Protein backbone atom coordinates (compact mmCIF):
# COMPACT_ATOMS: atom_id res chain seq x y z
CA MET A 1 113.33 146.36 88.16
CA GLY A 2 112.80 149.56 86.24
CA THR A 3 110.43 150.52 84.03
CA GLN A 4 110.86 149.67 80.48
CA LEU A 5 109.63 151.12 77.15
CA LEU A 6 108.66 147.88 75.36
CA SER A 7 107.38 148.23 71.73
CA PHE A 8 103.41 148.10 71.44
CA ASP A 9 103.20 144.48 70.16
CA LEU A 10 105.20 142.93 72.94
CA TYR A 11 103.41 144.43 75.74
CA LEU A 12 100.07 143.08 73.99
CA TRP A 13 101.91 139.97 73.45
CA LEU A 14 102.90 139.38 77.18
CA PRO A 15 99.98 138.83 78.76
CA LYS A 16 98.47 137.21 75.86
CA GLU A 17 101.15 134.30 75.88
CA TYR A 18 101.60 134.23 79.61
CA ASN A 19 97.67 133.35 79.74
CA LYS A 20 98.57 130.57 77.19
CA LEU A 21 101.00 128.92 79.31
CA LEU A 22 98.64 129.16 82.17
CA ARG A 23 96.70 127.07 80.06
CA ARG A 24 99.02 124.80 78.40
CA ALA A 25 99.98 124.01 82.25
CA GLU A 26 96.01 123.07 82.92
CA GLU A 27 95.94 120.56 80.11
CA LEU A 28 99.26 119.17 80.93
CA THR A 29 97.95 118.93 85.00
CA ARG A 30 94.80 117.00 83.50
CA ASN A 31 97.11 114.45 81.16
CA ILE A 32 99.07 113.93 84.59
CA LEU A 33 95.92 113.05 86.78
CA SER A 34 95.06 110.59 84.00
CA ARG A 35 97.54 108.95 84.36
CA PRO A 36 98.41 109.13 88.27
CA ASN A 37 101.03 106.17 88.43
CA ASP A 38 103.09 107.52 85.20
CA TRP A 39 105.63 109.15 87.32
CA PRO A 40 108.44 107.35 88.50
CA MET A 41 109.57 108.91 91.77
CA ASP A 42 113.58 109.11 90.83
CA SER A 43 112.24 111.72 87.69
CA ILE A 44 114.17 114.30 89.49
CA TYR A 45 117.11 112.36 87.46
CA THR A 46 115.73 113.33 84.05
CA LEU A 47 115.34 116.81 84.85
CA SER A 48 117.99 118.92 82.93
CA LEU A 49 117.47 122.56 83.37
CA LYS A 50 120.69 124.56 81.85
CA ALA A 51 121.82 128.01 82.08
CA SER A 52 119.57 130.85 79.88
CA GLY A 53 116.96 129.83 77.46
CA GLN A 54 114.55 131.79 75.52
CA PHE A 55 110.47 131.99 74.77
CA GLY A 56 109.38 133.62 71.44
CA PRO A 57 111.08 136.51 70.87
CA ILE A 58 112.72 137.04 74.71
CA LYS A 59 115.89 135.52 75.53
CA PHE A 60 116.70 134.87 79.49
CA ILE A 61 120.10 135.22 80.43
CA ASN A 62 121.75 134.60 84.24
CA THR A 63 118.87 132.48 85.09
CA CYS A 64 120.94 130.84 88.03
CA VAL A 65 118.49 131.91 90.97
CA PRO A 66 115.46 131.27 89.63
CA ASP A 67 116.51 128.10 87.82
CA SER A 68 118.31 126.94 91.07
CA TYR A 69 114.61 128.11 92.83
CA LEU A 70 112.61 125.93 90.17
CA VAL A 71 115.08 122.34 90.58
CA ALA A 72 114.46 122.88 94.49
CA LEU A 73 110.94 123.42 94.30
CA TYR A 74 110.19 120.38 92.00
CA ASN A 75 112.35 118.33 93.87
CA CYS A 76 109.83 118.77 97.10
CA TYR A 77 106.86 118.68 94.46
CA ILE A 78 107.93 115.21 93.38
CA LYS A 79 108.70 113.91 96.90
CA TYR A 80 105.57 115.01 98.82
CA ASP A 81 102.20 114.76 98.08
CA TYR A 82 101.05 117.52 99.90
CA ILE A 83 103.70 119.67 98.91
CA ALA A 84 102.38 119.17 95.20
CA SER A 85 98.71 119.40 96.18
CA LEU A 86 99.83 122.83 98.11
CA PHE A 87 101.69 124.16 94.76
CA ASN A 88 98.84 122.72 92.51
CA PHE A 89 96.35 125.28 94.61
CA PHE A 90 98.07 128.18 92.78
CA GLU A 91 98.30 128.50 88.98
CA LYS A 92 101.43 130.52 89.09
CA LEU A 93 103.21 127.79 90.87
CA ARG A 94 101.72 124.93 89.14
CA ALA A 95 102.79 125.73 85.77
CA PRO A 96 106.48 125.52 86.27
CA MET A 97 106.14 122.49 87.98
CA VAL A 98 103.89 120.73 85.66
CA PHE A 99 106.06 121.93 82.43
CA LEU A 100 109.61 120.58 84.69
CA ARG A 101 107.84 117.55 84.28
CA ALA A 102 106.91 117.80 80.76
CA GLU A 103 110.57 118.77 80.39
CA MET A 104 109.16 122.18 78.81
CA TYR A 105 112.38 123.98 80.08
CA ASN A 106 111.99 127.51 78.32
CA GLU A 107 108.06 127.06 79.08
CA ALA A 108 109.02 126.65 83.09
CA LYS A 109 111.49 129.47 82.98
CA ALA A 110 108.92 131.51 81.34
CA SER A 111 106.23 130.89 83.63
CA TRP A 112 108.26 131.99 86.51
CA LEU A 113 110.05 135.12 85.00
CA PHE A 114 106.87 136.80 83.36
CA TRP A 115 105.45 136.63 86.44
CA SER A 116 108.26 138.02 88.51
CA GLN A 117 108.13 140.93 86.46
CA PHE A 118 112.24 140.98 85.90
CA ASN A 119 113.17 144.12 82.99
CA ILE A 120 112.59 143.13 79.66
CA THR A 121 114.78 145.26 77.27
CA LYS A 122 115.57 144.85 73.35
CA ASP A 123 118.59 142.89 72.29
CA ALA A 124 121.07 144.96 70.95
CA SER A 125 122.54 142.28 68.44
CA GLU A 126 119.13 140.83 67.07
CA LYS A 127 116.17 142.77 65.60
CA ASP A 128 113.14 142.11 67.25
CA LYS A 129 114.26 140.34 69.96
CA TYR A 130 114.34 141.23 73.51
CA VAL A 131 116.57 140.24 76.52
CA THR A 132 115.29 139.27 79.95
CA ASP A 133 118.23 139.50 82.38
CA ALA A 134 117.59 137.24 85.49
CA TRP A 135 120.40 138.42 87.84
CA SER A 136 118.87 138.75 91.22
CA GLU A 137 118.85 137.25 95.01
CA PRO A 138 116.92 134.59 96.36
CA GLU A 139 114.92 136.93 98.37
CA ASP A 140 113.54 138.92 95.39
CA HIS A 141 111.72 136.06 94.45
CA LEU A 142 109.56 135.78 97.75
CA HIS A 143 106.39 137.14 96.00
CA MET A 144 105.94 134.58 94.09
CA PHE A 145 105.14 132.74 97.58
CA ASN A 146 102.77 135.15 98.60
CA ASP A 147 99.56 133.46 98.56
CA LEU A 148 100.93 130.20 100.61
CA LEU A 149 102.27 132.61 103.38
CA VAL A 150 100.79 131.63 106.69
CA SER A 151 101.44 132.72 110.70
CA ASN A 152 105.22 131.42 111.51
CA ASP A 153 104.83 132.58 115.02
CA LYS A 154 105.18 128.76 116.13
CA LEU A 155 108.55 128.66 114.13
CA SER A 156 110.84 130.35 116.55
CA LYS A 157 113.49 127.68 116.70
CA PHE A 158 114.03 128.78 112.69
CA GLN A 159 114.60 132.07 113.58
CA HIS A 160 117.97 132.34 114.33
CA LEU A 161 119.05 131.25 110.85
CA GLY A 162 117.08 134.21 109.00
CA ASN A 163 113.75 135.77 107.65
CA VAL A 164 111.09 133.01 107.84
CA HIS A 165 108.53 132.25 105.57
CA ALA A 166 105.94 129.66 106.42
CA LEU A 167 103.81 128.09 103.49
CA GLY A 168 100.72 126.75 104.07
CA LEU A 169 96.80 126.49 103.58
CA GLU A 170 96.36 127.02 107.32
CA ASN A 171 98.25 129.18 109.82
CA LEU A 172 98.30 125.91 112.08
CA HIS A 173 99.72 123.79 109.73
CA PRO A 174 102.83 124.90 107.83
CA LEU A 175 103.89 122.77 105.44
CA LEU A 176 106.95 124.05 104.01
CA ILE A 177 109.42 126.60 105.30
CA LEU A 178 111.40 129.07 103.38
CA VAL A 179 114.42 130.83 104.97
CA ASP A 180 116.45 133.86 103.72
CA ILE A 181 119.62 133.08 105.71
CA HIS A 182 120.93 136.34 107.53
CA GLN A 183 124.29 137.46 105.69
CA GLY A 184 125.00 133.94 104.12
CA MET A 185 126.37 130.85 106.17
CA ASP A 186 129.20 128.79 105.97
CA THR A 187 128.13 125.52 107.37
CA ALA A 188 125.03 123.73 106.73
CA PRO A 189 122.17 124.34 109.34
CA LEU A 190 120.85 121.28 111.06
CA LEU A 191 119.33 118.53 109.06
CA HIS A 192 116.06 118.38 111.67
CA ILE A 193 114.09 121.02 113.33
CA GLU A 194 111.01 121.12 115.60
CA ASP A 195 109.30 123.84 115.92
CA ASP A 196 107.16 125.04 119.19
CA TYR A 197 104.82 122.27 118.80
CA TYR A 198 107.30 119.58 118.58
CA ARG A 199 106.94 119.08 114.73
CA THR A 200 109.43 118.22 112.49
CA TYR A 201 110.71 119.51 109.42
CA GLU A 202 113.74 118.22 107.66
CA LEU A 203 115.98 120.30 105.21
CA GLN A 204 115.21 119.66 101.51
CA PHE A 205 117.58 122.47 99.66
CA LEU A 206 120.10 125.29 100.34
CA LEU A 207 120.75 127.74 97.38
CA MET A 208 124.59 128.39 97.51
CA SER A 209 127.34 129.87 96.21
CA ARG A 210 130.73 128.63 95.91
CA THR A 211 133.43 130.79 98.18
CA SER A 212 135.60 130.70 95.24
CA PHE A 213 132.81 131.86 92.82
CA SER A 214 130.30 134.50 95.15
CA THR A 215 128.18 135.47 92.08
CA HIS A 216 126.72 131.80 90.77
CA MET A 217 123.83 130.20 92.70
CA ILE A 218 123.61 126.37 92.68
CA VAL A 219 121.62 124.28 95.00
CA GLY A 220 121.91 121.48 97.16
CA LEU A 221 119.19 119.07 96.96
CA ASN A 222 118.05 116.31 99.16
CA LEU A 223 116.65 113.46 97.23
CA PHE A 224 115.45 110.37 98.30
CA ASP A 225 118.77 108.86 98.95
CA ARG A 226 121.54 111.11 99.13
CA TRP A 227 122.11 114.93 99.10
CA VAL A 228 123.50 116.25 95.54
CA PHE A 229 124.22 119.31 93.89
CA TYR A 230 122.90 120.99 90.83
CA ASP A 231 124.44 123.59 88.95
CA ASN A 232 122.74 124.99 85.47
CA GLU A 233 125.98 125.30 84.09
CA ASP A 234 126.63 121.53 84.57
CA PRO A 235 123.65 119.58 85.41
CA SER A 236 125.29 116.45 86.46
CA TYR A 237 124.00 115.80 90.36
CA GLU A 238 127.15 115.31 91.93
CA ASP A 239 127.15 113.88 95.62
CA PHE A 240 127.01 116.71 98.13
CA ASN A 241 128.28 116.21 101.42
CA LEU A 242 126.23 118.58 104.14
CA ASP A 243 129.77 118.63 106.38
CA PHE A 244 131.31 121.00 103.28
CA ASN A 245 132.95 123.15 106.09
CA GLY A 246 133.21 126.53 104.34
CA ASP A 247 133.33 125.69 100.79
CA PHE A 248 130.17 127.09 99.88
CA ILE A 249 128.31 129.97 101.38
CA ILE A 250 124.43 129.56 102.15
CA HIS A 251 121.85 132.33 101.24
CA PHE A 252 118.78 130.60 101.32
CA ALA A 253 117.35 127.11 102.81
CA GLY A 254 113.51 124.85 102.43
CA TYR A 255 112.64 122.49 104.96
CA VAL A 256 109.71 120.24 104.70
CA ARG A 257 107.23 119.46 107.48
CA THR A 258 107.41 115.34 107.88
CA GLN A 259 105.81 114.35 110.32
CA ASN A 260 102.11 113.29 110.85
CA VAL A 261 100.88 115.88 108.44
CA GLN A 262 97.37 117.12 108.15
CA PHE A 263 96.59 118.18 104.69
CA GLY A 264 93.08 119.36 103.79
CA VAL A 265 93.60 118.66 100.22
CA ALA A 266 92.55 114.76 99.26
CA GLU A 267 94.96 114.50 96.58
CA GLU A 268 97.18 116.20 94.17
CA GLY A 269 94.20 116.55 91.58
CA CYS A 270 92.28 119.26 93.90
CA TYR A 271 93.30 122.76 92.67
CA GLY A 272 91.36 125.50 91.55
CA ALA A 273 91.81 128.37 88.45
CA VAL A 274 93.15 131.38 89.30
CA PRO A 275 91.82 134.54 87.03
CA PHE A 276 94.71 136.34 85.13
CA ASN A 277 95.15 139.47 86.83
CA HIS A 278 98.75 140.09 86.32
CA SER A 279 100.07 143.80 85.31
CA PHE A 280 102.82 143.92 82.96
CA GLY A 281 103.74 147.11 84.02
CA PHE A 282 107.57 146.21 85.17
CA GLN A 283 107.46 148.66 87.83
CA LYS A 284 109.73 146.27 90.30
CA GLU A 285 112.92 147.53 90.99
CA HIS A 286 115.79 144.75 90.05
CA ILE A 287 118.35 143.80 92.65
CA ASP A 288 121.71 143.32 91.12
């Protein structure tokens, strides 16, 4: 993403609004904790994260990759208490999750994209409006997880798939494994993989494109009782068969540890404030 010359007012507006988003997410989190049982486990089906969006004067376009990420992570967040606790430790991940739960979709996108430093340009069609083009590859968003990276030297059985990123709070106990797939796969990876300590990880999501529409990202989700795919152009939760045999190309996969989980967070309510120190210089190179 190249440097963009923004108006001085917008340059000042961005960090202030991002801070407001984080404070709003904090309020929502406290509200969630006051009603811990008021959250049906099938709430993924009420999620309707559609293409594009807008927050303040900034439109979001080409959001299929971040939208697929958000839906995939949210599914893990609501299925596993320890994944919710893991994300809740870091406000840049906690914020989009609680906004999704509250069905505040533009806020969820904004909290993800503002941190990701995607280009913001003038909207040629409207005065005093701006556009964030979120066209990207899954790997362009991996920096969102930097605070959670732990050692992956005991995950050799994942490495044939691609570049492995282990997330957790302790090196010996990774909880979520993200794999940036080598050059795409046209068949599904194993549903269960054991690490070098014989701990089992279960496939939770696949970021994919259709072979007939290679520039659009969708996500296959392992829900509580079935696999579905989610497309931000048509969020209908259609059944998805892992034996798709070449109809899709897999670009990214996520596995969650499912057996004998030991985690140092007693409950979802354990989270800490992270000071705002984000720069809005928009220096990151955007990859089309």
